[in-house]
């Protein structure tokens, strides 16, 4: 006689990326970032919003380069060591597969689990939540909202 063995699979942790910006650190799921590339000066067009830094080439595409800080009400900054995170677009627009996000340094991988605590921190526009990881307060960005901001401005 054979017995069925029930197995339970649970996810104890997920891999996230700590993405350094000029004035805060974002926490993104690892799968949200397609690639990290060196900063390159974007092709700028006159009359664009401050958060839209221009277009950059990536593979065979032209990607909109955005400053998350400026899009959420702060100042755009390109510091020494700046990089570009190519983010997988999540908004379901067939013509938009990726957007580029200016980051200040190299994101680092971190395991986050169910013990991730919500932080009591003020949220800026385009921030969904804040969490504590050790002594650090990390912001959870609204990537769909960022993409919608591009669409609302007629940039995608």
Protein backbone atom coordinates (compact mmCIF):
# COMPACT_ATOMS: atom_id res chain seq x y z
CA UNK A 1 0.00 0.00 0.00
CA UNK A 2 1.41 3.39 -0.91
CA UNK A 3 0.80 6.56 0.98
CA UNK A 4 0.63 10.02 -0.54
CA UNK A 5 3.10 12.38 1.03
CA UNK A 6 1.91 15.94 1.27
CA UNK A 7 4.57 18.57 0.90
CA UNK A 8 4.19 22.19 1.68
CA UNK A 9 6.27 24.79 -0.03
CA UNK A 10 6.53 28.19 1.53
CA UNK A 11 8.62 31.16 0.63
CA UNK A 12 10.58 32.27 3.67
CA UNK A 13 12.41 35.05 1.86
CA UNK A 14 12.63 36.90 -1.41
CA UNK A 15 15.61 38.55 -3.04
CA UNK A 16 15.36 42.29 -3.18
CA UNK A 17 17.63 45.06 -4.38
CA UNK A 18 18.60 48.05 -2.30
CA UNK A 19 18.74 50.83 -4.89
CA UNK A 20 20.61 53.93 -3.69
CA UNK A 21 19.27 57.31 -4.74
CA UNK A 22 20.58 60.74 -3.77
CA UNK A 23 18.19 61.15 -0.83
CA UNK A 24 16.75 57.71 -0.08
CA UNK A 25 17.11 54.00 -0.77
CA UNK A 26 14.48 52.09 -2.70
CA UNK A 27 13.68 48.43 -2.17
CA UNK A 28 12.78 46.66 -5.41
CA UNK A 29 12.16 43.01 -6.16
CA UNK A 30 15.23 41.57 -7.84
CA UNK A 31 13.16 40.64 -10.90
CA UNK A 32 12.14 44.28 -11.47
CA UNK A 33 15.64 45.20 -12.66
CA UNK A 34 16.63 43.92 -16.10
CA UNK A 35 20.17 45.32 -16.06
CA UNK A 36 22.44 47.86 -14.39
CA UNK A 37 24.47 49.96 -16.85
CA UNK A 38 26.95 52.82 -16.55
CA UNK A 39 25.47 56.31 -16.61
CA UNK A 40 25.54 57.93 -20.01
CA UNK A 41 24.40 61.46 -20.80
CA UNK A 42 20.87 61.29 -22.18
CA UNK A 43 19.62 62.86 -25.39
CA UNK A 44 17.71 65.83 -24.00
CA UNK A 45 14.69 67.57 -25.49
CA UNK A 46 13.68 71.10 -24.56
CA UNK A 47 10.56 71.73 -22.51
CA UNK A 48 10.47 68.40 -20.69
CA UNK A 49 9.58 67.95 -17.00
CA UNK A 50 12.54 68.02 -14.58
CA UNK A 51 12.09 64.34 -13.72
CA UNK A 52 12.45 63.29 -17.38
CA UNK A 53 16.20 63.40 -18.02
CA UNK A 54 16.01 62.39 -21.70
CA UNK A 55 16.44 59.26 -23.80
CA UNK A 56 19.34 56.82 -23.58
CA UNK A 57 20.26 53.97 -25.92
CA UNK A 58 20.11 50.44 -24.53
CA UNK A 59 20.52 47.43 -26.74
CA UNK A 60 18.43 48.33 -29.82
CA UNK A 61 16.02 50.59 -27.92
CA UNK A 62 15.74 54.20 -26.79
CA UNK A 63 14.66 54.29 -23.15
CA UNK A 64 13.24 57.20 -21.18
CA UNK A 65 15.67 58.06 -18.34
CA UNK A 66 13.91 59.22 -15.18
CA UNK A 67 14.92 60.71 -11.87
CA UNK A 68 12.80 59.10 -9.16
CA UNK A 69 13.78 61.88 -6.75
CA UNK A 70 12.49 64.60 -9.09
CA UNK A 71 9.36 62.60 -9.98
CA UNK A 72 8.51 62.38 -6.27
CA UNK A 73 9.05 66.07 -5.55
CA UNK A 74 12.78 66.36 -4.76
CA UNK A 75 15.76 67.50 -6.87
CA UNK A 76 17.30 65.48 -9.72
CA UNK A 77 21.01 64.84 -9.17
CA UNK A 78 23.69 63.13 -11.22
CA UNK A 79 26.55 62.45 -8.81
CA UNK A 80 29.89 60.78 -9.38
CA UNK A 81 29.32 57.03 -9.53
CA UNK A 82 25.81 57.38 -10.95
CA UNK A 83 24.41 54.37 -12.79
CA UNK A 84 21.25 53.52 -14.68
CA UNK A 85 18.94 50.71 -13.63
CA UNK A 86 16.94 49.35 -16.55
CA UNK A 87 13.56 48.49 -15.04
CA UNK A 88 11.05 46.05 -16.50
CA UNK A 89 7.89 48.01 -17.31
CA UNK A 90 4.85 46.73 -15.42
CA UNK A 91 2.05 48.89 -16.78
CA UNK A 92 0.91 46.54 -19.53
CA UNK A 93 1.65 48.92 -22.41
CA UNK A 94 2.81 46.79 -25.35
CA UNK A 95 5.08 49.55 -26.71
CA UNK A 96 6.87 50.03 -23.34
CA UNK A 97 8.95 47.11 -22.14
CA UNK A 98 11.60 49.00 -20.11
CA UNK A 99 12.27 52.33 -18.46
CA UNK A 100 15.61 53.63 -17.21
CA UNK A 101 16.03 54.96 -13.68
CA UNK A 102 18.96 57.09 -12.53
CA UNK A 103 20.58 55.55 -9.43
CA UNK A 104 23.46 56.79 -7.30
CA UNK A 105 25.79 53.83 -6.99
CA UNK A 106 25.49 50.10 -7.29
CA UNK A 107 22.35 48.38 -6.00
CA UNK A 108 23.00 45.47 -3.70
CA UNK A 109 21.10 42.28 -3.24
CA UNK A 110 19.41 41.48 0.06
CA UNK A 111 17.17 38.68 1.31
CA UNK A 112 13.96 39.96 2.82
CA UNK A 113 11.45 37.87 4.69
CA UNK A 114 8.17 38.04 6.50
CA UNK A 115 9.90 39.79 9.40
CA UNK A 116 10.35 42.95 7.31
CA UNK A 117 8.80 45.66 9.48
CA UNK A 118 6.81 48.63 8.29
CA UNK A 119 8.59 51.91 9.06
CA UNK A 120 6.91 54.97 10.47
CA UNK A 121 8.19 57.37 7.81
CA UNK A 122 6.61 60.07 5.70
CA UNK A 123 5.94 58.97 2.14
CA UNK A 124 6.65 61.12 -0.90
CA UNK A 125 4.62 60.91 -4.11
CA UNK A 126 5.30 57.62 -5.96
CA UNK A 127 6.23 55.83 -2.72
CA UNK A 128 3.85 53.03 -1.76
CA UNK A 129 5.31 52.23 1.65
CA UNK A 130 8.36 52.41 3.90
CA UNK A 131 9.99 49.46 5.63
CA UNK A 132 12.80 49.01 8.14
CA UNK A 133 15.71 46.73 7.42
CA UNK A 134 18.13 46.87 10.30
CA UNK A 135 18.78 50.57 10.93
CA UNK A 136 17.76 51.57 7.39
CA UNK A 137 14.44 52.93 6.22
CA UNK A 138 13.72 51.75 2.68
CA UNK A 139 11.03 53.10 0.38
CA UNK A 140 8.86 50.89 -1.82
CA UNK A 141 8.41 52.72 -5.14
CA UNK A 142 5.26 52.81 -7.23
CA UNK A 143 6.80 51.66 -10.52
CA UNK A 144 3.42 51.49 -12.26
CA UNK A 145 2.74 55.05 -11.08
CA UNK A 146 6.11 56.16 -12.45
CA UNK A 147 5.26 54.62 -15.80
CA UNK A 148 1.84 56.30 -15.69
CA UNK A 149 3.56 59.65 -15.06
CA UNK A 150 5.46 59.10 -18.32
CA UNK A 151 2.22 58.28 -20.12
CA UNK A 152 0.41 61.30 -18.64
CA UNK A 153 3.22 63.56 -19.88
CA UNK A 154 2.90 62.06 -23.38
CA UNK A 155 6.42 60.62 -23.23
CA UNK A 156 5.45 57.02 -23.97
